[in-house]
PDB file of all heavy atoms in Angstrom:
ATOM      1  N   MET A   1      17.554 -51.066 -44.969  1.00  0.00           N
ATOM      2  CA  MET A   1      16.481 -51.839 -45.582  1.00  0.00           C
ATOM      3  C   MET A   1      17.049 -52.919 -46.583  1.00  0.00           C
ATOM      4  O   MET A   1      16.624 -54.115 -46.526  1.00  0.00           O
ATOM      5  CB  MET A   1      15.507 -50.971 -46.323  1.00  0.00           C
ATOM      6  CG  MET A   1      14.648 -50.098 -45.397  1.00  0.00           C
ATOM      7  SD  MET A   1      13.352 -49.175 -46.296  1.00  0.00           S
ATOM      8  CE  MET A   1      12.196 -50.515 -46.624  1.00  0.00           C
ATOM      9  N   ARG A   2      18.068 -52.553 -47.355  1.00  0.00           N
ATOM     10  CA  ARG A   2      18.631 -53.464 -48.279  1.00  0.00           C
ATOM     11  C   ARG A   2      19.343 -54.618 -47.521  1.00  0.00           C
ATOM     12  O   ARG A   2      19.274 -55.775 -47.919  1.00  0.00           O
ATOM     13  CB  ARG A   2      19.617 -52.758 -49.216  1.00  0.00           C
ATOM     14  CG  ARG A   2      18.952 -51.837 -50.227  1.00  0.00           C
ATOM     15  CD  ARG A   2      19.929 -51.259 -51.205  1.00  0.00           C
ATOM     16  NE  ARG A   2      19.261 -50.538 -52.252  1.00  0.00           N
ATOM     17  CZ  ARG A   2      18.790 -51.019 -53.353  1.00  0.00           C
ATOM     18  NH1 ARG A   2      18.850 -52.322 -53.577  1.00  0.00           N
ATOM     19  NH2 ARG A   2      18.204 -50.269 -54.261  1.00  0.00           N
ATOM     20  N   ARG A   3      20.022 -54.225 -46.424  1.00  0.00           N
ATOM     21  CA  ARG A   3      20.725 -55.242 -45.634  1.00  0.00           C
ATOM     22  C   ARG A   3      19.721 -56.243 -44.982  1.00  0.00           C
ATOM     23  O   ARG A   3      19.966 -57.442 -45.025  1.00  0.00           O
ATOM     24  CB  ARG A   3      21.560 -54.545 -44.569  1.00  0.00           C
ATOM     25  CG  ARG A   3      22.346 -55.505 -43.706  1.00  0.00           C
ATOM     26  CD  ARG A   3      23.237 -54.760 -42.710  1.00  0.00           C
ATOM     27  NE  ARG A   3      22.456 -53.922 -41.838  1.00  0.00           N
ATOM     28  CZ  ARG A   3      22.420 -52.601 -41.917  1.00  0.00           C
ATOM     29  NH1 ARG A   3      23.063 -51.927 -42.835  1.00  0.00           N
ATOM     30  NH2 ARG A   3      21.645 -51.878 -41.048  1.00  0.00           N
ATOM     31  N   THR A   4      18.635 -55.737 -44.468  1.00  0.00           N
ATOM     32  CA  THR A   4      17.644 -56.587 -43.831  1.00  0.00           C
ATOM     33  C   THR A   4      16.962 -57.479 -44.850  1.00  0.00           C
ATOM     34  O   THR A   4      16.683 -58.642 -44.572  1.00  0.00           O
ATOM     35  CB  THR A   4      16.609 -55.714 -43.074  1.00  0.00           C
ATOM     36  OG1 THR A   4      17.304 -54.879 -42.158  1.00  0.00           O
ATOM     37  CG2 THR A   4      15.643 -56.572 -42.323  1.00  0.00           C
ATOM     38  N   VAL A   5      16.646 -56.921 -46.016  1.00  0.00           N
ATOM     39  CA  VAL A   5      16.022 -57.711 -47.094  1.00  0.00           C
ATOM     40  C   VAL A   5      16.953 -58.842 -47.491  1.00  0.00           C
ATOM     41  O   VAL A   5      16.529 -60.022 -47.693  1.00  0.00           O
ATOM     42  CB  VAL A   5      15.625 -56.870 -48.259  1.00  0.00           C
ATOM     43  CG1 VAL A   5      15.199 -57.745 -49.462  1.00  0.00           C
ATOM     44  CG2 VAL A   5      14.474 -55.934 -47.883  1.00  0.00           C
ATOM     45  N   ARG A   6      18.255 -58.544 -47.600  1.00  0.00           N
ATOM     46  CA  ARG A   6      19.222 -59.557 -48.013  1.00  0.00           C
ATOM     47  C   ARG A   6      19.262 -60.704 -46.953  1.00  0.00           C
ATOM     48  O   ARG A   6      19.319 -61.885 -47.319  1.00  0.00           O
ATOM     49  CB  ARG A   6      20.611 -58.947 -48.182  1.00  0.00           C
ATOM     50  CG  ARG A   6      21.607 -59.956 -48.683  1.00  0.00           C
ATOM     51  CD  ARG A   6      23.006 -59.273 -48.765  1.00  0.00           C
ATOM     52  NE  ARG A   6      23.036 -58.263 -49.820  1.00  0.00           N
ATOM     53  CZ  ARG A   6      23.288 -58.543 -51.099  1.00  0.00           C
ATOM     54  NH1 ARG A   6      23.549 -59.774 -51.490  1.00  0.00           N
ATOM     55  NH2 ARG A   6      23.314 -57.562 -51.965  1.00  0.00           N
ATOM     56  N   GLN A   7      19.288 -60.343 -45.672  1.00  0.00           N
ATOM     57  CA  GLN A   7      19.290 -61.338 -44.606  1.00  0.00           C
ATOM     58  C   GLN A   7      18.043 -62.328 -44.732  1.00  0.00           C
ATOM     59  O   GLN A   7      18.146 -63.517 -44.527  1.00  0.00           O
ATOM     60  CB  GLN A   7      19.262 -60.682 -43.235  1.00  0.00           C
ATOM     61  CG  GLN A   7      20.577 -59.936 -42.892  1.00  0.00           C
ATOM     62  CD  GLN A   7      20.435 -59.160 -41.625  1.00  0.00           C
ATOM     63  OE1 GLN A   7      19.387 -59.186 -40.929  1.00  0.00           O
ATOM     64  NE2 GLN A   7      21.473 -58.449 -41.218  1.00  0.00           N
ATOM     65  N   PHE A   8      16.907 -61.686 -45.053  1.00  0.00           N
ATOM     66  CA  PHE A   8      15.701 -62.443 -45.218  1.00  0.00           C
ATOM     67  C   PHE A   8      15.805 -63.434 -46.365  1.00  0.00           C
ATOM     68  O   PHE A   8      15.476 -64.608 -46.289  1.00  0.00           O
ATOM     69  CB  PHE A   8      14.519 -61.523 -45.398  1.00  0.00           C
ATOM     70  CG  PHE A   8      13.276 -62.146 -45.971  1.00  0.00           C
ATOM     71  CD1 PHE A   8      12.520 -63.018 -45.157  1.00  0.00           C
ATOM     72  CD2 PHE A   8      12.754 -61.772 -47.180  1.00  0.00           C
ATOM     73  CE1 PHE A   8      11.354 -63.590 -45.688  1.00  0.00           C
ATOM     74  CE2 PHE A   8      11.591 -62.317 -47.692  1.00  0.00           C
ATOM     75  CZ  PHE A   8      10.932 -63.244 -46.926  1.00  0.00           C
ATOM     76  N   LEU A   9      16.297 -62.919 -47.523  1.00  0.00           N
ATOM     77  CA  LEU A   9      16.371 -63.748 -48.717  1.00  0.00           C
ATOM     78  C   LEU A   9      17.309 -64.897 -48.533  1.00  0.00           C
ATOM     79  O   LEU A   9      17.103 -65.992 -49.090  1.00  0.00           O
ATOM     80  CB  LEU A   9      16.803 -62.894 -49.884  1.00  0.00           C
ATOM     81  CG  LEU A   9      15.878 -61.741 -50.339  1.00  0.00           C
ATOM     82  CD1 LEU A   9      16.406 -60.993 -51.530  1.00  0.00           C
ATOM     83  CD2 LEU A   9      14.464 -62.266 -50.612  1.00  0.00           C
ATOM     84  N   GLU A  10      18.355 -64.742 -47.750  1.00  0.00           N
ATOM     85  CA  GLU A  10      19.288 -65.809 -47.492  1.00  0.00           C
ATOM     86  C   GLU A  10      18.690 -66.948 -46.703  1.00  0.00           C
ATOM     87  O   GLU A  10      19.102 -68.127 -46.804  1.00  0.00           O
ATOM     88  CB  GLU A  10      20.534 -65.259 -46.708  1.00  0.00           C
ATOM     89  CG  GLU A  10      21.424 -64.353 -47.582  1.00  0.00           C
ATOM     90  CD  GLU A  10      22.513 -63.706 -46.748  1.00  0.00           C
ATOM     91  OE1 GLU A  10      22.460 -63.833 -45.495  1.00  0.00           O
ATOM     92  OE2 GLU A  10      23.394 -63.086 -47.341  1.00  0.00           O
ATOM     93  N   LYS A  11      17.669 -66.614 -45.939  1.00  0.00           N
ATOM     94  CA  LYS A  11      16.948 -67.696 -45.156  1.00  0.00           C
ATOM     95  C   LYS A  11      15.888 -68.429 -45.937  1.00  0.00           C
ATOM     96  O   LYS A  11      15.262 -69.414 -45.423  1.00  0.00           O
ATOM     97  CB  LYS A  11      16.347 -67.044 -43.915  1.00  0.00           C
ATOM     98  CG  LYS A  11      17.336 -66.540 -42.869  1.00  0.00           C
ATOM     99  CD  LYS A  11      16.665 -65.995 -41.640  1.00  0.00           C
ATOM    100  CE  LYS A  11      17.628 -65.550 -40.620  1.00  0.00           C
ATOM    101  NZ  LYS A  11      18.368 -66.712 -39.989  1.00  0.00           N
ATOM    102  N   LEU A  12      15.610 -67.992 -47.194  1.00  0.00           N
ATOM    103  CA  LEU A  12      14.547 -68.590 -47.959  1.00  0.00           C
ATOM    104  C   LEU A  12      14.868 -69.960 -48.514  1.00  0.00           C
ATOM    105  O   LEU A  12      14.019 -70.725 -48.948  1.00  0.00           O
ATOM    106  CB  LEU A  12      14.070 -67.675 -49.083  1.00  0.00           C
ATOM    107  CG  LEU A  12      13.358 -66.408 -48.707  1.00  0.00           C
ATOM    108  CD1 LEU A  12      12.940 -65.619 -49.934  1.00  0.00           C
ATOM    109  CD2 LEU A  12      12.154 -66.720 -47.841  1.00  0.00           C
ATOM    110  N   ASP A  13      16.181 -70.286 -48.519  1.00  0.00           N
ATOM    111  CA  ASP A  13      16.573 -71.581 -49.093  1.00  0.00           C
ATOM    112  C   ASP A  13      15.933 -72.728 -48.282  1.00  0.00           C
ATOM    113  O   ASP A  13      16.081 -72.875 -47.068  1.00  0.00           O
ATOM    114  CB  ASP A  13      18.123 -71.698 -49.017  1.00  0.00           C
ATOM    115  CG  ASP A  13      18.598 -72.955 -49.703  1.00  0.00           C
ATOM    116  OD1 ASP A  13      17.908 -73.396 -50.646  1.00  0.00           O
ATOM    117  OD2 ASP A  13      19.656 -73.503 -49.298  1.00  0.00           O
ATOM    118  N   GLY A  14      15.117 -73.539 -48.976  1.00  0.00           N
ATOM    119  CA  GLY A  14      14.454 -74.663 -48.362  1.00  0.00           C
ATOM    120  C   GLY A  14      13.166 -74.295 -47.654  1.00  0.00           C
ATOM    121  O   GLY A  14      12.519 -75.172 -47.072  1.00  0.00           O
ATOM    122  N   ALA A  15      12.772 -73.019 -47.692  1.00  0.00           N
ATOM    123  CA  ALA A  15      11.513 -72.606 -47.012  1.00  0.00           C
ATOM    124  C   ALA A  15      10.286 -73.016 -47.822  1.00  0.00           C
ATOM    125  O   ALA A  15      10.313 -73.023 -49.069  1.00  0.00           O
ATOM    126  CB  ALA A  15      11.539 -71.109 -46.826  1.00  0.00           C
ATOM    127  N   ASP A  16       9.225 -73.429 -47.076  1.00  0.00           N
ATOM    128  CA  ASP A  16       7.966 -73.785 -47.717  1.00  0.00           C
ATOM    129  C   ASP A  16       7.038 -72.619 -47.841  1.00  0.00           C
ATOM    130  O   ASP A  16       6.144 -72.551 -48.701  1.00  0.00           O
ATOM    131  CB  ASP A  16       7.269 -74.890 -46.911  1.00  0.00           C
ATOM    132  CG  ASP A  16       8.106 -76.179 -46.885  1.00  0.00           C
ATOM    133  OD1 ASP A  16       8.139 -76.909 -47.880  1.00  0.00           O
ATOM    134  OD2 ASP A  16       8.749 -76.406 -45.879  1.00  0.00           O
ATOM    135  N   MET A  17       7.225 -71.632 -46.937  1.00  0.00           N
ATOM    136  CA  MET A  17       6.344 -70.474 -46.934  1.00  0.00           C
ATOM    137  C   MET A  17       7.139 -69.264 -46.557  1.00  0.00           C
ATOM    138  O   MET A  17       7.992 -69.247 -45.652  1.00  0.00           O
ATOM    139  CB  MET A  17       5.191 -70.603 -45.925  1.00  0.00           C
ATOM    140  CG  MET A  17       4.243 -69.416 -45.862  1.00  0.00           C
ATOM    141  SD  MET A  17       3.010 -69.581 -44.557  1.00  0.00           S
ATOM    142  CE  MET A  17       2.099 -71.023 -45.072  1.00  0.00           C
ATOM    143  N   ALA A  18       6.902 -68.146 -47.280  1.00  0.00           N
ATOM    144  CA  ALA A  18       7.553 -66.879 -46.973  1.00  0.00           C
ATOM    145  C   ALA A  18       6.521 -65.815 -46.754  1.00  0.00           C
ATOM    146  O   ALA A  18       5.490 -65.807 -47.422  1.00  0.00           O
ATOM    147  CB  ALA A  18       8.497 -66.505 -48.155  1.00  0.00           C
ATOM    148  N   LEU A  19       6.788 -64.919 -45.826  1.00  0.00           N
ATOM    149  CA  LEU A  19       5.821 -63.889 -45.531  1.00  0.00           C
ATOM    150  C   LEU A  19       6.577 -62.558 -45.382  1.00  0.00           C
ATOM    151  O   LEU A  19       7.644 -62.542 -44.746  1.00  0.00           O
ATOM    152  CB  LEU A  19       5.060 -64.172 -44.201  1.00  0.00           C
ATOM    153  CG  LEU A  19       3.907 -63.230 -43.786  1.00  0.00           C
ATOM    154  CD1 LEU A  19       2.859 -64.023 -43.051  1.00  0.00           C
ATOM    155  CD2 LEU A  19       4.409 -62.054 -42.930  1.00  0.00           C
ATOM    156  N   PHE A  20       5.995 -61.477 -45.931  1.00  0.00           N
ATOM    157  CA  PHE A  20       6.589 -60.161 -45.837  1.00  0.00           C
ATOM    158  C   PHE A  20       5.590 -59.130 -45.347  1.00  0.00           C
ATOM    159  O   PHE A  20       4.499 -59.078 -45.886  1.00  0.00           O
ATOM    160  CB  PHE A  20       7.129 -59.710 -47.208  1.00  0.00           C
ATOM    161  CG  PHE A  20       7.609 -58.312 -47.281  1.00  0.00           C
ATOM    162  CD1 PHE A  20       8.379 -57.730 -46.275  1.00  0.00           C
ATOM    163  CD2 PHE A  20       7.340 -57.515 -48.385  1.00  0.00           C
ATOM    164  CE1 PHE A  20       8.836 -56.458 -46.360  1.00  0.00           C
ATOM    165  CE2 PHE A  20       7.762 -56.220 -48.459  1.00  0.00           C
ATOM    166  CZ  PHE A  20       8.534 -55.672 -47.439  1.00  0.00           C
ATOM    167  N   PHE A  21       5.921 -58.422 -44.273  1.00  0.00           N
ATOM    168  CA  PHE A  21       5.051 -57.365 -43.736  1.00  0.00           C
ATOM    169  C   PHE A  21       5.820 -56.087 -43.700  1.00  0.00           C
ATOM    170  O   PHE A  21       6.929 -56.033 -43.206  1.00  0.00           O
ATOM    171  CB  PHE A  21       4.576 -57.752 -42.358  1.00  0.00           C
ATOM    172  CG  PHE A  21       3.800 -56.616 -41.652  1.00  0.00           C
ATOM    173  CD1 PHE A  21       2.422 -56.486 -41.821  1.00  0.00           C
ATOM    174  CD2 PHE A  21       4.437 -55.661 -40.861  1.00  0.00           C
ATOM    175  CE1 PHE A  21       1.712 -55.505 -41.186  1.00  0.00           C
ATOM    176  CE2 PHE A  21       3.763 -54.632 -40.225  1.00  0.00           C
ATOM    177  CZ  PHE A  21       2.395 -54.547 -40.442  1.00  0.00           C
ATOM    178  N   TYR A  22       5.202 -55.003 -44.266  1.00  0.00           N
ATOM    179  CA  TYR A  22       5.824 -53.709 -44.196  1.00  0.00           C
ATOM    180  C   TYR A  22       4.814 -52.658 -43.759  1.00  0.00           C
ATOM    181  O   TYR A  22       3.680 -52.600 -44.187  1.00  0.00           O
ATOM    182  CB  TYR A  22       6.378 -53.281 -45.602  1.00  0.00           C
ATOM    183  CG  TYR A  22       6.858 -51.834 -45.590  1.00  0.00           C
ATOM    184  CD1 TYR A  22       8.020 -51.499 -44.947  1.00  0.00           C
ATOM    185  CD2 TYR A  22       6.173 -50.832 -46.270  1.00  0.00           C
ATOM    186  CE1 TYR A  22       8.452 -50.192 -44.948  1.00  0.00           C
ATOM    187  CE2 TYR A  22       6.616 -49.539 -46.271  1.00  0.00           C
ATOM    188  CZ  TYR A  22       7.804 -49.205 -45.637  1.00  0.00           C
ATOM    189  OH  TYR A  22       8.195 -47.880 -45.580  1.00  0.00           O
ATOM    190  N   ALA A  23       5.248 -51.841 -42.768  1.00  0.00           N
ATOM    191  CA  ALA A  23       4.447 -50.715 -42.291  1.00  0.00           C
ATOM    192  C   ALA A  23       5.296 -49.452 -42.390  1.00  0.00           C
ATOM    193  O   ALA A  23       6.448 -49.445 -41.929  1.00  0.00           O
ATOM    194  CB  ALA A  23       4.000 -50.960 -40.834  1.00  0.00           C
ATOM    195  N   GLY A  24       4.745 -48.415 -42.945  1.00  0.00           N
ATOM    196  CA  GLY A  24       5.456 -47.145 -43.123  1.00  0.00           C
ATOM    197  C   GLY A  24       4.972 -46.436 -44.331  1.00  0.00           C
ATOM    198  O   GLY A  24       3.876 -46.735 -44.796  1.00  0.00           O
ATOM    199  N   HIS A  25       5.707 -45.436 -44.777  1.00  0.00           N
ATOM    200  CA  HIS A  25       5.321 -44.677 -45.951  1.00  0.00           C
ATOM    201  C   HIS A  25       5.588 -45.483 -47.223  1.00  0.00           C
ATOM    202  O   HIS A  25       6.570 -46.213 -47.344  1.00  0.00           O
ATOM    203  CB  HIS A  25       6.143 -43.366 -46.066  1.00  0.00           C
ATOM    204  CG  HIS A  25       5.567 -42.284 -45.216  1.00  0.00           C
ATOM    205  ND1 HIS A  25       4.229 -41.988 -45.112  1.00  0.00           N
ATOM    206  CD2 HIS A  25       6.228 -41.375 -44.404  1.00  0.00           C
ATOM    207  CE1 HIS A  25       4.027 -40.982 -44.284  1.00  0.00           C
ATOM    208  NE2 HIS A  25       5.225 -40.602 -43.846  1.00  0.00           N
ATOM    209  N   GLY A  26       4.636 -45.448 -48.126  1.00  0.00           N
ATOM    210  CA  GLY A  26       4.765 -46.128 -49.413  1.00  0.00           C
ATOM    211  C   GLY A  26       4.090 -45.277 -50.493  1.00  0.00           C
ATOM    212  O   GLY A  26       3.180 -44.476 -50.147  1.00  0.00           O
ATOM    213  N   LEU A  27       4.498 -45.378 -51.705  1.00  0.00           N
ATOM    214  CA  LEU A  27       3.877 -44.611 -52.789  1.00  0.00           C
ATOM    215  C   LEU A  27       4.005 -45.365 -54.085  1.00  0.00           C
ATOM    216  O   LEU A  27       4.798 -46.304 -54.228  1.00  0.00           O
ATOM    217  CB  LEU A  27       4.469 -43.210 -52.881  1.00  0.00           C
ATOM    218  CG  LEU A  27       6.042 -43.061 -52.925  1.00  0.00           C
ATOM    219  CD1 LEU A  27       6.548 -43.247 -54.376  1.00  0.00           C
ATOM    220  CD2 LEU A  27       6.470 -41.721 -52.422  1.00  0.00           C
ATOM    221  N   GLN A  28       3.257 -44.934 -55.112  1.00  0.00           N
ATOM    222  CA  GLN A  28       3.350 -45.545 -56.440  1.00  0.00           C
ATOM    223  C   GLN A  28       3.654 -44.435 -57.422  1.00  0.00           C
ATOM    224  O   GLN A  28       3.175 -43.327 -57.372  1.00  0.00           O
ATOM    225  CB  GLN A  28       2.062 -46.251 -56.770  1.00  0.00           C
ATOM    226  CG  GLN A  28       0.846 -45.359 -56.892  1.00  0.00           C
ATOM    227  CD  GLN A  28      -0.267 -45.996 -57.700  1.00  0.00           C
ATOM    228  OE1 GLN A  28      -0.063 -46.248 -58.891  1.00  0.00           O
ATOM    229  NE2 GLN A  28      -1.470 -46.196 -57.079  1.00  0.00           N
ATOM    230  N   VAL A  29       4.507 -44.786 -58.354  1.00  0.00           N
ATOM    231  CA  VAL A  29       4.862 -43.898 -59.481  1.00  0.00           C
ATOM    232  C   VAL A  29       4.862 -44.739 -60.772  1.00  0.00           C
ATOM    233  O   VAL A  29       5.532 -45.749 -60.839  1.00  0.00           O
ATOM    234  CB  VAL A  29       6.220 -43.201 -59.251  1.00  0.00           C
ATOM    235  CG1 VAL A  29       6.569 -42.311 -60.450  1.00  0.00           C
ATOM    236  CG2 VAL A  29       6.264 -42.394 -57.952  1.00  0.00           C
ATOM    237  N   ASN A  30       4.086 -44.274 -61.741  1.00  0.00           N
ATOM    238  CA  ASN A  30       3.996 -45.001 -62.999  1.00  0.00           C
ATOM    239  C   ASN A  30       3.611 -46.472 -62.798  1.00  0.00           C
ATOM    240  O   ASN A  30       4.076 -47.371 -63.542  1.00  0.00           O
ATOM    241  CB  ASN A  30       5.289 -44.921 -63.798  1.00  0.00           C
ATOM    242  CG  ASN A  30       5.541 -43.512 -64.318  1.00  0.00           C
ATOM    243  OD1 ASN A  30       4.584 -42.781 -64.670  1.00  0.00           O
ATOM    244  ND2 ASN A  30       6.848 -43.106 -64.321  1.00  0.00           N
ATOM    245  N   GLY A  31       2.764 -46.726 -61.781  1.00  0.00           N
ATOM    246  CA  GLY A  31       2.262 -48.044 -61.546  1.00  0.00           C
ATOM    247  C   GLY A  31       3.227 -48.959 -60.755  1.00  0.00           C
ATOM    248  O   GLY A  31       2.892 -50.129 -60.442  1.00  0.00           O
ATOM    249  N   SER A  32       4.380 -48.469 -60.332  1.00  0.00           N
ATOM    250  CA  SER A  32       5.318 -49.190 -59.564  1.00  0.00           C
ATOM    251  C   SER A  32       5.250 -48.725 -58.137  1.00  0.00           C
ATOM    252  O   SER A  32       5.108 -47.535 -57.830  1.00  0.00           O
ATOM    253  CB  SER A  32       6.771 -49.010 -60.073  1.00  0.00           C
ATOM    254  OG  SER A  32       6.899 -49.539 -61.377  1.00  0.00           O
ATOM    255  N   ASN A  33       5.393 -49.703 -57.183  1.00  0.00           N
ATOM    256  CA  ASN A  33       5.227 -49.406 -55.769  1.00  0.00           C
ATOM    257  C   ASN A  33       6.591 -49.331 -55.110  1.00  0.00           C
ATOM    258  O   ASN A  33       7.494 -50.153 -55.374  1.00  0.00           O
ATOM    259  CB  ASN A  33       4.358 -50.434 -55.067  1.00  0.00           C
ATOM    260  CG  ASN A  33       2.937 -50.443 -55.618  1.00  0.00           C
ATOM    261  OD1 ASN A  33       2.293 -49.412 -55.545  1.00  0.00           O
ATOM    262  ND2 ASN A  33       2.511 -51.562 -56.082  1.00  0.00           N
ATOM    263  N   TYR A  34       6.724 -48.412 -54.159  1.00  0.00           N
ATOM    264  CA  TYR A  34       8.005 -48.239 -53.461  1.00  0.00           C
ATOM    265  C   TYR A  34       7.791 -48.098 -51.969  1.00  0.00           C
ATOM    266  O   TYR A  34       6.796 -47.504 -51.517  1.00  0.00           O
ATOM    267  CB  TYR A  34       8.724 -46.911 -53.927  1.00  0.00           C
ATOM    268  CG  TYR A  34       9.145 -46.928 -55.402  1.00  0.00           C
ATOM    269  CD1 TYR A  34       8.253 -46.537 -56.400  1.00  0.00           C
ATOM    270  CD2 TYR A  34      10.426 -47.290 -55.732  1.00  0.00           C
ATOM    271  CE1 TYR A  34       8.597 -46.547 -57.734  1.00  0.00           C
ATOM    272  CE2 TYR A  34      10.792 -47.296 -57.050  1.00  0.00           C
ATOM    273  CZ  TYR A  34       9.906 -46.926 -58.057  1.00  0.00           C
ATOM    274  OH  TYR A  34      10.281 -46.895 -59.374  1.00  0.00           O
ATOM    275  N   MET A  35       8.721 -48.710 -51.188  1.00  0.00           N
ATOM    276  CA  MET A  35       8.786 -48.476 -49.735  1.00  0.00           C
ATOM    277  C   MET A  35       9.752 -47.299 -49.520  1.00  0.00           C
ATOM    278  O   MET A  35      10.809 -47.205 -50.207  1.00  0.00           O
ATOM    279  CB  MET A  35       9.314 -49.744 -49.030  1.00  0.00           C
ATOM    280  CG  MET A  35       8.361 -50.940 -49.155  1.00  0.00           C
ATOM    281  SD  MET A  35       9.056 -52.404 -48.432  1.00  0.00           S
ATOM    282  CE  MET A  35      10.322 -52.868 -49.644  1.00  0.00           C
ATOM    283  N   VAL A  36       9.463 -46.472 -48.518  1.00  0.00           N
ATOM    284  CA  VAL A  36      10.238 -45.292 -48.299  1.00  0.00           C
ATOM    285  C   VAL A  36      11.086 -45.446 -46.995  1.00  0.00           C
ATOM    286  O   VAL A  36      10.512 -45.550 -45.939  1.00  0.00           O
ATOM    287  CB  VAL A  36       9.346 -44.050 -48.149  1.00  0.00           C
ATOM    288  CG1 VAL A  36      10.185 -42.786 -47.972  1.00  0.00           C
ATOM    289  CG2 VAL A  36       8.413 -43.924 -49.364  1.00  0.00           C
TER     290      VAL A  36
END
């Protein structure tokens, strides 16, 4: 997940629009959200 996110962030240079879609388990703890 960290490797894939990094690849995405490297492509944002010069982008006019960015979109992120995640499907899977997720939860919140103390108001913070996490992907599992």
